[in-house]
N, C-alpha and C. Protein backbone atom coordinates (compact mmCIF):
# COMPACT_ATOMS: atom_id res chain seq x y z
N MET A 1 -14.08 -17.34 1.88
CA MET A 1 -13.39 -16.86 1.22
C MET A 1 -11.93 -16.51 1.92
N ARG A 2 -10.98 -17.17 1.18
CA ARG A 2 -9.12 -16.74 1.86
C ARG A 2 -8.44 -15.62 0.96
N ILE A 3 -7.79 -14.47 1.19
CA ILE A 3 -7.00 -13.56 0.35
C ILE A 3 -5.99 -13.52 1.25
N LEU A 4 -4.61 -13.74 0.39
CA LEU A 4 -3.28 -13.90 0.99
C LEU A 4 -3.02 -11.86 0.43
N SER A 5 -2.54 -11.46 1.23
CA SER A 5 -1.91 -10.29 0.91
C SER A 5 -0.55 -9.79 1.40
N VAL A 6 -0.12 -9.43 1.22
CA VAL A 6 1.53 -9.03 1.67
C VAL A 6 1.53 -7.27 1.24
N THR A 7 2.47 -6.57 2.65
CA THR A 7 2.35 -5.30 2.43
C THR A 7 3.98 -4.70 1.99
N PRO A 8 3.56 -3.60 0.91
CA PRO A 8 4.16 -3.10 -0.11
C PRO A 8 5.55 -2.35 0.45
N ILE A 9 5.62 -2.40 1.88
CA ILE A 9 6.77 -1.93 2.38
C ILE A 9 7.00 -2.57 3.68
N ARG A 10 8.36 -2.37 4.06
CA ARG A 10 8.97 -3.27 5.31
C ARG A 10 8.11 -2.25 6.30
N VAL A 11 7.62 -3.33 7.16
CA VAL A 11 6.88 -2.57 8.34
C VAL A 11 7.40 -3.11 10.04
N GLY A 12 7.09 -2.48 10.70
CA GLY A 12 7.47 -3.13 11.93
C GLY A 12 6.25 -3.83 12.58
N ALA A 13 6.53 -4.43 13.77
CA ALA A 13 5.57 -5.46 14.68
C ALA A 13 4.02 -4.68 15.07
N GLY A 14 4.55 -3.28 15.36
CA GLY A 14 3.15 -2.40 15.91
C GLY A 14 2.58 -2.45 14.46
N GLU A 15 2.93 -1.78 13.14
CA GLU A 15 2.48 -1.35 12.37
C GLU A 15 1.86 -2.90 11.50
N LEU A 16 2.26 -3.63 11.76
CA LEU A 16 2.07 -5.11 10.94
C LEU A 16 0.51 -5.55 11.10
N ALA A 17 0.63 -5.29 13.12
CA ALA A 17 -0.59 -5.79 13.88
C ALA A 17 -1.90 -4.70 13.72
N ARG A 18 -1.51 -3.43 13.40
CA ARG A 18 -2.35 -2.35 12.83
C ARG A 18 -2.87 -2.61 12.19
N ARG A 19 -2.37 -3.14 10.53
CA ARG A 19 -2.80 -3.41 9.32
C ARG A 19 -4.00 -4.36 9.40
N ARG A 20 -2.98 -5.58 10.29
CA ARG A 20 -4.21 -6.96 10.37
C ARG A 20 -5.20 -6.17 10.92
N ASP A 21 -5.13 -5.72 12.04
CA ASP A 21 -6.52 -5.17 12.35
C ASP A 21 -7.83 -4.49 11.77
N ARG A 22 -7.20 -3.86 10.90
CA ARG A 22 -8.07 -3.05 10.02
C ARG A 22 -8.42 -4.16 9.05
N TYR A 23 -7.83 -4.79 8.45
CA TYR A 23 -8.38 -5.41 7.50
C TYR A 23 -9.38 -6.70 8.29
N ARG A 24 -9.19 -6.82 9.53
CA ARG A 24 -10.44 -7.92 9.87
C ARG A 24 -11.60 -7.21 10.24
N ARG A 25 -11.13 -5.78 10.51
CA ARG A 25 -12.75 -4.72 10.91
C ARG A 25 -13.05 -4.92 9.24
N LEU A 26 -12.35 -4.72 8.50
CA LEU A 26 -13.04 -4.28 6.85
C LEU A 26 -13.68 -5.60 6.32
N ALA A 27 -13.38 -6.86 6.78
CA ALA A 27 -13.38 -7.95 6.06
C ALA A 27 -15.18 -7.94 6.04
N PRO A 28 -15.91 -8.28 5.11
CA PRO A 28 -17.27 -8.67 5.27
C PRO A 28 -17.21 -10.12 5.90
N PRO A 29 -18.30 -10.57 6.51
CA PRO A 29 -18.82 -11.65 7.09
C PRO A 29 -18.25 -13.13 5.99
N GLY A 30 -17.66 -13.90 6.48
CA GLY A 30 -16.83 -15.11 5.42
C GLY A 30 -15.54 -15.04 4.59
N VAL A 31 -14.89 -13.39 4.55
CA VAL A 31 -14.08 -13.21 3.79
C VAL A 31 -12.90 -13.17 4.94
N GLU A 32 -11.43 -13.63 4.90
CA GLU A 32 -10.75 -13.75 5.72
C GLU A 32 -9.41 -13.03 5.00
N LEU A 33 -8.62 -12.25 5.39
CA LEU A 33 -7.66 -11.53 4.51
C LEU A 33 -6.27 -11.99 5.42
N VAL A 34 -5.35 -12.56 4.86
CA VAL A 34 -4.23 -13.09 5.61
C VAL A 34 -2.86 -11.71 5.15
N LEU A 35 -1.86 -11.32 6.05
CA LEU A 35 -1.58 -10.49 5.75
C LEU A 35 -0.27 -10.74 6.96
N GLU A 36 1.07 -10.65 5.20
CA GLU A 36 2.32 -11.20 5.42
C GLU A 36 3.60 -9.64 5.04
N GLU A 37 4.26 -9.57 6.16
CA GLU A 37 5.36 -8.74 6.11
C GLU A 37 5.76 -9.11 4.18
N VAL A 38 6.01 -8.11 3.65
CA VAL A 38 6.77 -8.50 2.17
C VAL A 38 8.14 -8.81 2.24
N GLY A 39 9.34 -8.54 3.11
CA GLY A 39 10.56 -8.94 2.96
C GLY A 39 11.60 -7.71 3.16
N GLU A 40 12.56 -8.09 3.28
CA GLU A 40 14.07 -7.52 3.58
C GLU A 40 13.91 -6.66 2.24
N ASP A 41 13.69 -7.02 1.63
CA ASP A 41 14.90 -5.95 -0.06
C ASP A 41 13.47 -4.93 -0.19
N ALA A 42 12.25 -4.97 0.30
CA ALA A 42 11.51 -3.79 -0.35
C ALA A 42 11.75 -2.48 0.96
N PRO A 43 11.54 -1.85 0.68
CA PRO A 43 11.90 -0.37 1.15
C PRO A 43 10.97 0.18 2.19
N GLU A 44 11.29 0.84 2.91
CA GLU A 44 10.53 1.54 4.39
C GLU A 44 9.48 2.16 3.80
N GLN A 45 9.49 2.71 2.81
CA GLN A 45 8.48 3.78 2.22
C GLN A 45 8.38 4.17 0.99
N PHE A 46 7.72 4.97 0.37
CA PHE A 46 7.19 5.45 -0.70
C PHE A 46 7.71 6.85 -0.97
N ALA A 47 9.21 7.13 -1.55
CA ALA A 47 9.76 8.12 -1.37
C ALA A 47 10.10 8.99 -2.86
N THR A 48 10.21 7.96 -3.59
CA THR A 48 10.75 8.01 -5.09
C THR A 48 10.21 6.61 -5.86
N PRO A 49 10.57 7.05 -6.82
CA PRO A 49 9.92 6.26 -8.06
C PRO A 49 10.92 4.89 -7.96
N ASP A 50 12.12 4.84 -7.33
CA ASP A 50 12.82 3.75 -7.20
C ASP A 50 12.33 3.22 -6.49
N ASP A 51 12.11 3.80 -5.20
CA ASP A 51 11.33 2.75 -4.08
C ASP A 51 10.02 1.86 -4.70
N ILE A 52 9.12 2.52 -5.08
CA ILE A 52 8.42 2.02 -5.84
C ILE A 52 8.22 0.79 -6.81
N ALA A 53 9.73 0.84 -7.68
CA ALA A 53 10.47 -0.22 -8.65
C ALA A 53 10.59 -1.18 -7.68
N ALA A 54 11.26 -1.11 -6.59
CA ALA A 54 11.23 -2.19 -5.57
C ALA A 54 10.92 -2.79 -5.00
N SER A 55 9.25 -2.29 -4.43
CA SER A 55 8.62 -2.54 -3.55
C SER A 55 7.97 -3.78 -4.55
N THR A 56 7.87 -3.33 -5.88
CA THR A 56 6.59 -3.71 -6.61
C THR A 56 7.40 -5.13 -7.21
N ALA A 57 9.26 -5.20 -7.68
CA ALA A 57 9.61 -6.57 -7.48
C ALA A 57 9.49 -7.60 -6.19
N SER A 58 9.75 -6.88 -5.13
CA SER A 58 9.23 -7.49 -4.02
C SER A 58 7.78 -8.33 -3.84
N VAL A 59 6.98 -7.23 -4.06
CA VAL A 59 5.77 -7.85 -3.86
C VAL A 59 5.52 -9.12 -5.23
N THR A 60 6.11 -8.84 -6.09
CA THR A 60 5.78 -9.80 -7.41
C THR A 60 6.61 -10.95 -6.55
N ALA A 61 7.83 -11.05 -6.11
CA ALA A 61 8.19 -12.21 -5.52
C ALA A 61 7.32 -13.01 -4.61
N ALA A 62 7.02 -12.16 -3.31
CA ALA A 62 6.52 -12.99 -2.41
C ALA A 62 5.63 -13.73 -2.98
N LEU A 63 4.03 -12.78 -3.37
CA LEU A 63 2.83 -13.82 -3.87
C LEU A 63 3.62 -14.72 -4.63
N ALA A 64 4.60 -14.53 -5.50
CA ALA A 64 5.04 -15.35 -6.25
C ALA A 64 5.26 -17.24 -5.60
N ALA A 65 5.99 -16.83 -4.72
CA ALA A 65 6.63 -18.15 -3.68
C ALA A 65 5.16 -18.37 -2.91
N ALA A 66 4.14 -17.51 -2.81
CA ALA A 66 3.35 -18.51 -1.68
C ALA A 66 2.43 -19.60 -2.17
N PRO A 67 2.40 -20.56 -1.17
CA PRO A 67 1.74 -22.04 -1.95
C PRO A 67 0.06 -21.49 -2.35
N ASP A 68 -0.41 -21.78 -3.28
CA ASP A 68 -2.11 -21.42 -3.69
C ASP A 68 -2.78 -22.07 -2.44
N GLY A 69 -2.08 -23.05 -1.92
CA GLY A 69 -3.50 -23.31 -0.83
C GLY A 69 -4.95 -23.42 -1.08
N ASP A 70 -5.19 -22.56 0.16
CA ASP A 70 -7.00 -22.52 -0.13
C ASP A 70 -7.36 -21.41 -0.80
N LEU A 71 -6.69 -20.75 -1.00
CA LEU A 71 -6.67 -19.24 -1.89
C LEU A 71 -7.77 -19.22 -2.60
N ALA A 72 -8.68 -18.00 -2.69
CA ALA A 72 -9.55 -17.73 -3.61
C ALA A 72 -9.14 -16.34 -4.54
N CYS A 73 -7.72 -15.85 -4.02
CA CYS A 73 -7.25 -14.80 -4.85
C CYS A 73 -5.97 -14.53 -3.98
N ARG A 74 -5.15 -13.19 -4.51
CA ARG A 74 -4.32 -12.79 -3.61
C ARG A 74 -4.34 -10.97 -3.81
N MET A 75 -4.00 -10.26 -3.21
CA MET A 75 -4.39 -9.06 -3.52
C MET A 75 -3.47 -7.83 -2.64
N PRO A 76 -2.47 -7.52 -3.21
CA PRO A 76 -1.06 -6.97 -2.51
C PRO A 76 -2.08 -5.61 -1.40
N ASP A 77 -1.39 -5.35 -0.50
CA ASP A 77 -2.28 -4.33 0.31
C ASP A 77 -1.00 -2.86 0.03
N CYS A 78 -1.75 -2.81 -1.13
CA CYS A 78 -1.25 -1.28 -1.99
C CYS A 78 -2.06 -1.07 -2.84
N VAL A 79 -2.43 0.66 -3.01
CA VAL A 79 -3.24 0.84 -4.33
C VAL A 79 -2.70 1.19 -4.92
N LEU A 80 -1.37 1.11 -5.11
CA LEU A 80 -0.90 0.99 -6.64
C LEU A 80 -0.89 -0.73 -7.28
N ASP A 81 -1.18 -1.55 -6.80
CA ASP A 81 -1.25 -2.98 -7.05
C ASP A 81 0.19 -3.64 -7.90
N PRO A 82 0.51 -3.34 -6.81
CA PRO A 82 1.76 -4.11 -7.47
C PRO A 82 1.61 -5.63 -7.56
N ALA A 83 2.01 -6.15 -8.86
CA ALA A 83 2.13 -7.40 -9.09
C ALA A 83 0.75 -8.29 -9.74
N VAL A 84 -0.45 -6.91 -10.00
CA VAL A 84 -1.29 -7.44 -10.62
C VAL A 84 -1.32 -7.02 -12.03
N PRO A 85 -1.42 -8.22 -12.64
CA PRO A 85 -1.13 -8.34 -14.16
C PRO A 85 -2.46 -7.06 -14.79
N VAL A 86 -2.02 -6.57 -15.99
CA VAL A 86 -3.14 -5.73 -17.08
C VAL A 86 -3.63 -6.57 -17.63
N GLU A 87 -3.11 -8.16 -18.04
CA GLU A 87 -3.98 -8.84 -18.97
C GLU A 87 -3.97 -10.26 -18.16
N PRO A 88 -4.63 -10.80 -18.77
CA PRO A 88 -4.70 -12.58 -17.90
C PRO A 88 -3.72 -13.14 -17.87
N ASP A 89 -3.13 -14.15 -16.84
CA ASP A 89 -1.81 -14.53 -16.77
C ASP A 89 -2.18 -16.00 -16.59
N GLY A 90 -3.15 -16.36 -16.42
CA GLY A 90 -3.48 -17.86 -16.34
C GLY A 90 -3.38 -18.37 -15.63
N ALA A 91 -2.90 -17.74 -14.10
CA ALA A 91 -2.45 -18.30 -13.14
C ALA A 91 -4.00 -18.77 -12.52
N ALA A 92 -3.59 -19.73 -11.66
CA ALA A 92 -4.72 -21.06 -11.10
C ALA A 92 -5.31 -20.06 -10.17
N VAL A 93 -4.52 -19.12 -9.25
CA VAL A 93 -5.06 -18.35 -7.81
C VAL A 93 -4.51 -16.99 -8.44
N PRO A 94 -5.21 -16.15 -8.97
CA PRO A 94 -5.54 -14.24 -9.78
C PRO A 94 -4.73 -13.87 -8.66
N THR A 95 -4.28 -12.54 -8.85
CA THR A 95 -3.89 -11.51 -8.15
C THR A 95 -4.55 -10.30 -8.42
N VAL A 96 -5.46 -9.80 -7.52
CA VAL A 96 -5.92 -9.01 -7.80
C VAL A 96 -5.84 -7.61 -7.27
N GLY A 97 -6.16 -6.13 -7.98
CA GLY A 97 -6.21 -5.27 -7.16
C GLY A 97 -6.72 -4.09 -6.43
N MET A 98 -6.90 -3.61 -5.72
CA MET A 98 -7.63 -2.94 -5.07
C MET A 98 -7.96 -1.77 -5.95
N LEU A 99 -6.87 -0.58 -6.35
CA LEU A 99 -7.08 0.13 -7.58
C LEU A 99 -8.16 -0.50 -8.29
N ARG A 100 -7.99 -1.56 -9.43
CA ARG A 100 -8.70 -1.69 -10.47
C ARG A 100 -9.57 -2.25 -9.63
N LEU A 101 -9.92 -2.90 -8.88
CA LEU A 101 -11.46 -2.95 -8.59
C LEU A 101 -12.44 -2.07 -8.36
N SER A 102 -11.91 -0.95 -7.52
CA SER A 102 -12.22 0.57 -6.74
C SER A 102 -13.01 0.96 -8.48
N ALA A 103 -11.41 1.49 -9.24
CA ALA A 103 -12.09 2.34 -10.21
C ALA A 103 -12.88 1.57 -11.18
N ALA A 104 -12.82 0.11 -11.43
CA ALA A 104 -14.14 -0.59 -12.49
C ALA A 104 -15.13 -0.37 -12.12
N HIS A 105 -15.29 -0.78 -10.41
CA HIS A 105 -16.77 -0.54 -9.89
C HIS A 105 -16.98 1.05 -10.09
N LEU A 106 -16.25 2.07 -9.96
CA LEU A 106 -16.81 3.45 -10.27
C LEU A 106 -17.22 3.99 -11.69
N VAL A 107 -15.86 3.30 -12.63
CA VAL A 107 -16.71 3.09 -13.99
C VAL A 107 -17.73 2.87 -14.50
N ALA A 108 -18.20 1.61 -13.66
CA ALA A 108 -19.36 0.75 -14.28
C ALA A 108 -20.58 1.01 -13.94
N SER A 109 -20.33 2.46 -12.61
CA SER A 109 -21.55 3.29 -12.22
C SER A 109 -21.95 4.62 -12.99
N GLY A 110 -20.83 4.24 -13.88
CA GLY A 110 -20.84 5.97 -14.83
C GLY A 110 -20.56 6.99 -14.03
N ARG A 111 -19.35 6.98 -13.00
CA ARG A 111 -19.10 7.70 -12.53
C ARG A 111 -17.33 8.34 -12.58
N THR A 112 -17.23 9.63 -12.89
CA THR A 112 -15.76 9.99 -13.33
C THR A 112 -15.19 9.80 -11.62
N PHE A 113 -13.68 9.84 -11.17
CA PHE A 113 -13.39 9.91 -9.89
C PHE A 113 -12.00 10.58 -9.87
N GLY A 114 -11.09 10.94 -9.07
CA GLY A 114 -10.03 11.51 -9.08
C GLY A 114 -9.42 10.50 -7.91
N ALA A 115 -8.39 10.92 -7.38
CA ALA A 115 -7.78 10.53 -6.25
C ALA A 115 -7.00 11.20 -5.44
N VAL A 116 -6.56 10.64 -4.88
CA VAL A 116 -5.66 12.11 -3.64
C VAL A 116 -4.42 10.84 -2.94
N THR A 117 -3.16 11.33 -3.33
CA THR A 117 -2.25 10.84 -2.62
C THR A 117 -1.02 11.51 -1.87
N ARG A 118 -0.41 10.68 -0.99
CA ARG A 118 0.54 11.14 0.08
C ARG A 118 1.33 12.15 -0.62
N ASN A 119 2.22 11.39 -1.54
CA ASN A 119 3.72 12.70 -2.54
C ASN A 119 3.12 12.32 -4.10
N HIS A 120 3.89 12.81 -4.39
CA HIS A 120 4.21 12.97 -6.13
C HIS A 120 4.50 11.59 -6.92
N ALA A 121 5.61 11.00 -6.25
CA ALA A 121 5.80 9.65 -6.99
C ALA A 121 4.54 8.76 -7.12
N ILE A 122 4.06 8.73 -5.70
CA ILE A 122 2.55 7.71 -5.22
C ILE A 122 1.66 8.50 -6.37
N GLY A 123 1.68 9.39 -6.80
CA GLY A 123 0.48 10.24 -7.37
C GLY A 123 0.39 9.85 -8.98
N GLU A 124 2.18 9.69 -9.45
CA GLU A 124 2.38 9.95 -11.00
C GLU A 124 2.11 8.20 -11.07
N ALA A 125 2.36 7.11 -9.88
CA ALA A 125 2.58 5.62 -10.17
C ALA A 125 0.73 5.62 -10.21
N LEU A 126 0.08 6.43 -9.42
CA LEU A 126 -1.45 5.76 -9.53
C LEU A 126 -2.13 6.01 -11.09
N ALA A 127 -1.78 7.16 -10.93
CA ALA A 127 -2.25 7.46 -12.41
C ALA A 127 -1.97 6.75 -13.73
N ARG A 128 -0.55 6.84 -13.80
CA ARG A 128 -0.18 5.51 -15.06
C ARG A 128 -0.84 4.34 -14.78
N ARG A 129 -1.26 3.65 -13.39
CA ARG A 129 -1.84 2.21 -13.37
C ARG A 129 -3.36 2.63 -13.73
N VAL A 130 -3.84 3.33 -13.52
CA VAL A 130 -5.25 4.00 -13.88
C VAL A 130 -5.41 3.90 -15.52
N GLU A 131 -4.00 4.47 -16.53
CA GLU A 131 -4.32 4.46 -17.43
C GLU A 131 -3.92 3.20 -18.74
N GLU A 132 -3.24 2.50 -17.56
CA GLU A 132 -3.12 0.80 -17.94
C GLU A 132 -4.08 0.25 -18.00
N TYR A 133 -5.11 0.74 -16.94
CA TYR A 133 -6.38 -0.22 -16.93
C TYR A 133 -7.26 0.11 -18.13
N GLY A 134 -7.00 1.21 -18.68
CA GLY A 134 -7.83 1.80 -19.43
C GLY A 134 -9.04 2.70 -19.22
N TYR A 135 -8.85 3.16 -17.65
CA TYR A 135 -9.63 4.29 -17.08
C TYR A 135 -9.55 5.54 -17.18
N GLY A 136 -8.83 5.74 -18.09
CA GLY A 136 -7.90 7.35 -17.66
C GLY A 136 -9.59 8.42 -18.39
N PRO A 137 -10.65 7.78 -19.29
CA PRO A 137 -11.42 8.86 -19.89
C PRO A 137 -12.55 8.93 -18.59
N TRP A 138 -12.16 8.00 -17.74
CA TRP A 138 -13.28 8.25 -16.55
C TRP A 138 -12.15 9.45 -15.56
N PHE A 139 -10.71 9.17 -15.61
CA PHE A 139 -10.35 9.99 -14.35
C PHE A 139 -9.77 11.31 -14.50
N ALA A 140 -10.20 11.83 -13.19
CA ALA A 140 -10.21 13.29 -13.13
C ALA A 140 -8.90 13.64 -12.39
N GLY A 141 -7.90 12.97 -12.46
CA GLY A 141 -6.23 13.28 -11.90
C GLY A 141 -6.21 12.83 -10.58
N VAL A 142 -5.03 13.33 -10.05
CA VAL A 142 -4.67 13.09 -8.64
C VAL A 142 -4.62 14.65 -7.71
N ILE A 143 -4.51 14.55 -6.76
CA ILE A 143 -4.39 15.74 -6.03
C ILE A 143 -3.47 15.05 -4.84
N VAL A 144 -2.35 16.02 -4.87
CA VAL A 144 -0.94 15.48 -3.76
C VAL A 144 -1.22 16.45 -2.65
N LEU A 145 -1.56 15.53 -1.40
CA LEU A 145 -1.58 15.91 -0.10
C LEU A 145 -0.07 16.50 0.47
N ASP A 146 0.73 15.99 0.04
CA ASP A 146 2.34 16.57 0.66
C ASP A 146 2.38 16.43 1.96
N LEU A 147 1.99 14.79 2.76
CA LEU A 147 2.37 14.63 3.64
C LEU A 147 3.00 13.51 3.78
N ALA A 148 4.23 13.46 5.06
CA ALA A 148 5.06 12.98 5.62
C ALA A 148 4.36 11.38 5.83
N PHE A 149 5.32 10.66 5.89
CA PHE A 149 4.77 9.20 5.55
C PHE A 149 4.09 8.62 7.41
N ASP A 150 4.74 9.69 8.03
CA ASP A 150 4.23 9.11 9.63
C ASP A 150 2.54 9.86 9.54
N ALA A 151 1.94 10.39 8.83
CA ALA A 151 0.57 10.50 8.57
C ALA A 151 0.20 9.39 8.41
N ILE A 152 0.50 8.27 7.89
CA ILE A 152 -0.48 7.62 7.59
C ILE A 152 -0.95 6.68 8.23
N PRO A 153 -0.74 6.59 9.45
CA PRO A 153 -1.40 5.65 10.97
C PRO A 153 -1.98 7.06 11.64
N ASP A 154 -1.65 7.87 11.18
CA ASP A 154 -2.63 9.30 12.12
C ASP A 154 -4.04 10.11 10.96
N THR A 155 -5.04 8.99 11.49
CA THR A 155 -6.35 9.38 10.66
C THR A 155 -6.66 10.63 10.99
N GLY A 156 -7.10 11.55 11.67
CA GLY A 156 -6.78 12.87 12.15
C GLY A 156 -6.33 13.97 10.95
N ARG A 157 -5.02 13.49 11.13
CA ARG A 157 -3.99 14.28 10.28
C ARG A 157 -4.21 13.96 8.96
N TRP A 158 -4.64 12.90 8.31
CA TRP A 158 -4.79 12.88 6.97
C TRP A 158 -6.15 12.83 6.25
N ASN A 159 -7.03 12.70 7.37
CA ASN A 159 -8.22 13.37 6.68
C ASN A 159 -8.49 14.90 6.98
N GLY A 160 -8.13 15.10 7.64
CA GLY A 160 -8.05 16.98 7.88
C GLY A 160 -7.34 17.67 6.22
N ALA A 161 -6.34 17.06 5.74
CA ALA A 161 -5.69 17.45 4.73
C ALA A 161 -6.73 16.64 3.47
N VAL A 162 -6.98 15.80 3.82
CA VAL A 162 -7.92 15.43 2.62
C VAL A 162 -9.51 16.04 2.19
N ARG A 163 -9.67 16.81 3.37
CA ARG A 163 -10.90 17.72 2.85
C ARG A 163 -10.62 18.92 2.15
N ALA A 164 -9.57 19.63 2.27
CA ALA A 164 -9.38 20.93 1.09
C ALA A 164 -9.49 20.13 -0.34
N ALA A 165 -8.46 19.20 -0.12
CA ALA A 165 -8.59 18.29 -1.64
C ALA A 165 -9.93 17.76 -1.83
N LEU A 166 -11.04 17.29 -1.21
CA LEU A 166 -12.13 17.11 -1.81
C LEU A 166 -12.84 18.55 -2.23
N ASP A 167 -12.92 19.33 -1.53
CA ASP A 167 -13.28 20.82 -1.92
C ASP A 167 -12.67 21.07 -3.34
N GLY A 168 -11.68 20.94 -3.93
CA GLY A 168 -11.26 21.39 -5.51
C GLY A 168 -11.77 20.16 -6.16
N PHE A 169 -12.09 18.72 -6.02
CA PHE A 169 -12.41 18.13 -6.66
C PHE A 169 -14.22 18.37 -6.87
N ALA A 170 -14.83 18.79 -5.75
CA ALA A 170 -15.97 19.14 -5.89
C ALA A 170 -16.31 20.11 -6.96
N ALA A 171 -15.67 21.01 -6.77
CA ALA A 171 -15.69 22.29 -7.65
C ALA A 171 -15.67 22.22 -9.03
N ARG A 172 -15.15 20.88 -9.53
CA ARG A 172 -15.06 20.26 -10.68
C ARG A 172 -15.62 19.63 -10.91
N GLY A 173 -16.92 19.13 -10.05
CA GLY A 173 -17.80 18.24 -10.21
C GLY A 173 -17.80 16.91 -10.34
N VAL A 174 -16.70 16.52 -9.51
CA VAL A 174 -16.31 15.25 -9.52
C VAL A 174 -17.11 14.64 -7.99
N THR A 175 -17.37 13.72 -7.87
CA THR A 175 -18.60 13.09 -6.62
C THR A 175 -17.21 11.86 -5.92
N ALA A 176 -16.86 11.13 -6.62
CA ALA A 176 -15.80 10.25 -5.99
C ALA A 176 -14.29 10.40 -6.28
N VAL A 177 -13.62 9.79 -4.90
CA VAL A 177 -12.22 9.97 -4.69
C VAL A 177 -11.65 8.91 -4.05
N ILE A 178 -10.57 8.17 -4.92
CA ILE A 178 -10.31 7.41 -4.03
C ILE A 178 -8.63 7.53 -3.30
N ASN A 179 -9.15 7.36 -2.07
CA ASN A 179 -8.05 7.65 -1.47
C ASN A 179 -6.35 6.51 -1.36
N GLY A 180 -5.81 7.64 -1.96
CA GLY A 180 -4.43 6.83 -2.27
C GLY A 180 -3.20 6.31 -1.05
N CYS A 181 -4.34 5.36 -0.41
CA CYS A 181 -3.33 4.80 0.52
C CYS A 181 -4.47 3.44 1.23
N SER A 182 -3.84 2.40 1.08
CA SER A 182 -4.46 1.53 1.72
C SER A 182 -4.49 1.30 2.64
N ALA A 183 -3.83 1.69 3.61
CA ALA A 183 -3.65 1.70 5.20
C ALA A 183 -4.01 2.63 5.45
N VAL A 184 -5.02 3.72 5.39
CA VAL A 184 -5.22 4.92 6.02
C VAL A 184 -7.16 4.79 6.38
N ASP A 185 -7.48 4.80 7.54
CA ASP A 185 -9.26 4.78 7.88
C ASP A 185 -9.34 5.83 7.34
N THR A 186 -10.45 6.08 6.43
CA THR A 186 -10.62 7.01 5.91
C THR A 186 -12.18 7.76 6.72
N ASP A 187 -12.15 9.25 7.09
CA ASP A 187 -13.23 9.96 8.00
C ASP A 187 -13.16 11.09 8.12
N ALA A 188 -13.74 11.50 6.61
CA ALA A 188 -13.58 13.03 5.99
C ALA A 188 -15.18 13.23 5.41
N PRO A 189 -15.98 13.12 6.41
CA PRO A 189 -17.43 13.48 5.75
C PRO A 189 -17.14 14.76 4.86
N HIS A 190 -18.05 14.72 3.57
CA HIS A 190 -17.97 15.57 2.98
C HIS A 190 -18.80 15.12 1.92
N PRO A 191 -19.23 15.99 1.07
CA PRO A 191 -20.19 15.65 -0.26
C PRO A 191 -19.63 14.66 -1.32
N VAL A 192 -18.58 15.07 -1.46
CA VAL A 192 -17.55 14.04 -2.13
C VAL A 192 -17.64 12.77 -1.53
N GLU A 193 -17.53 11.59 -1.92
CA GLU A 193 -17.16 10.35 -1.47
C GLU A 193 -15.73 9.78 -1.87
N LEU A 194 -15.39 9.57 -0.37
CA LEU A 194 -13.83 9.48 -0.22
C LEU A 194 -13.99 7.86 -0.35
N VAL A 195 -13.21 7.44 -1.17
CA VAL A 195 -13.58 6.11 -1.90
C VAL A 195 -12.70 4.93 -0.83
N ASP A 196 -12.65 4.35 0.29
CA ASP A 196 -11.54 3.36 0.68
C ASP A 196 -11.21 2.20 -0.31
N PRO A 197 -9.89 2.28 -1.00
CA PRO A 197 -10.06 1.28 -1.86
C PRO A 197 -9.99 -0.13 -1.18
N ALA A 198 -9.33 -0.27 0.21
CA ALA A 198 -9.45 -1.76 0.67
C ALA A 198 -10.65 -2.44 0.98
N ALA A 199 -11.85 -1.61 1.58
CA ALA A 199 -12.96 -1.56 2.13
C ALA A 199 -13.77 -2.04 0.75
N LEU A 200 -13.54 -1.17 -0.13
CA LEU A 200 -14.53 -1.51 -1.35
C LEU A 200 -14.02 -2.78 -2.07
N ALA A 201 -13.01 -3.00 -2.33
CA ALA A 201 -12.51 -3.80 -2.75
C ALA A 201 -12.81 -5.46 -2.54
N LEU A 202 -12.78 -5.21 -0.99
CA LEU A 202 -13.29 -6.24 0.12
C LEU A 202 -14.70 -6.51 -0.43
N ARG A 203 -15.31 -5.73 -0.16
CA ARG A 203 -16.85 -5.89 -0.63
C ARG A 203 -17.03 -6.66 -2.04
N LEU A 204 -16.35 -5.99 -3.01
CA LEU A 204 -16.32 -6.34 -4.22
C LEU A 204 -16.41 -7.87 -4.41
N LEU A 205 -15.38 -8.30 -3.78
CA LEU A 205 -15.09 -9.34 -3.56
C LEU A 205 -15.57 -10.56 -3.06
N ALA A 206 -16.25 -9.94 -1.95
CA ALA A 206 -17.53 -10.97 -1.57
C ALA A 206 -18.53 -11.23 -1.88
N ALA A 207 -19.07 -10.05 -2.76
CA ALA A 207 -20.28 -10.01 -3.17
C ALA A 207 -20.08 -10.86 -4.64
N GLY A 208 -18.74 -11.39 -5.29
CA GLY A 208 -18.50 -11.80 -6.45
C GLY A 208 -18.10 -13.33 -5.99
N ALA A 209 -18.25 -13.62 -4.68
CA ALA A 209 -17.50 -15.18 -4.40
C ALA A 209 -18.51 -15.87 -4.89
N ARG A 210 -17.87 -17.23 -5.72
CA ARG A 210 -19.10 -18.47 -5.57
C ARG A 210 -19.74 -18.85 -4.45
N PRO A 211 -20.72 -19.27 -4.46
CA PRO A 211 -21.60 -19.51 -3.32
C PRO A 211 -20.94 -21.45 -2.59
């Protein structure tokens, strides 16, 4: 199974290499994810709703321009699922979303779930996506971590902030929380499951692959 992905923001060579290495570690046997940088029109980070809109346009254009080749699917490197259609679009090579796959799995398992995000703009966009997919009744909302952009590659800093959020969800009886950044290695031991959406999406896609 070969999957094409593009970053949602402009990244340097070092960050692109880190993300590619992360996907190599996460990919189940038989799955190859090819990650490319999105292009110059994309923002450098998600700080505002306008940044997210610009990213969505850039990711959509980049994925549409890529040849189908031997791809099984396209999956943006972003938990906000840019370019992922809410309804079937008839594409020969589908564009799938890690948020949609992760949320659908949790809902199908009968679990309510929450999410954590770096800032309010991302949190609001993620909540809208969950509603668009029809999973609102199972969604326990977003807790914003209020972290700077440079916390993304800092595993210790990110996961330290996450633990307090998980405590809050646990007090409400929520047992699963989606980590609202696809580029973070999750390492926050806690009774509440912190779901890495990239890792879960790849496992689900591998499980559903045709023999």
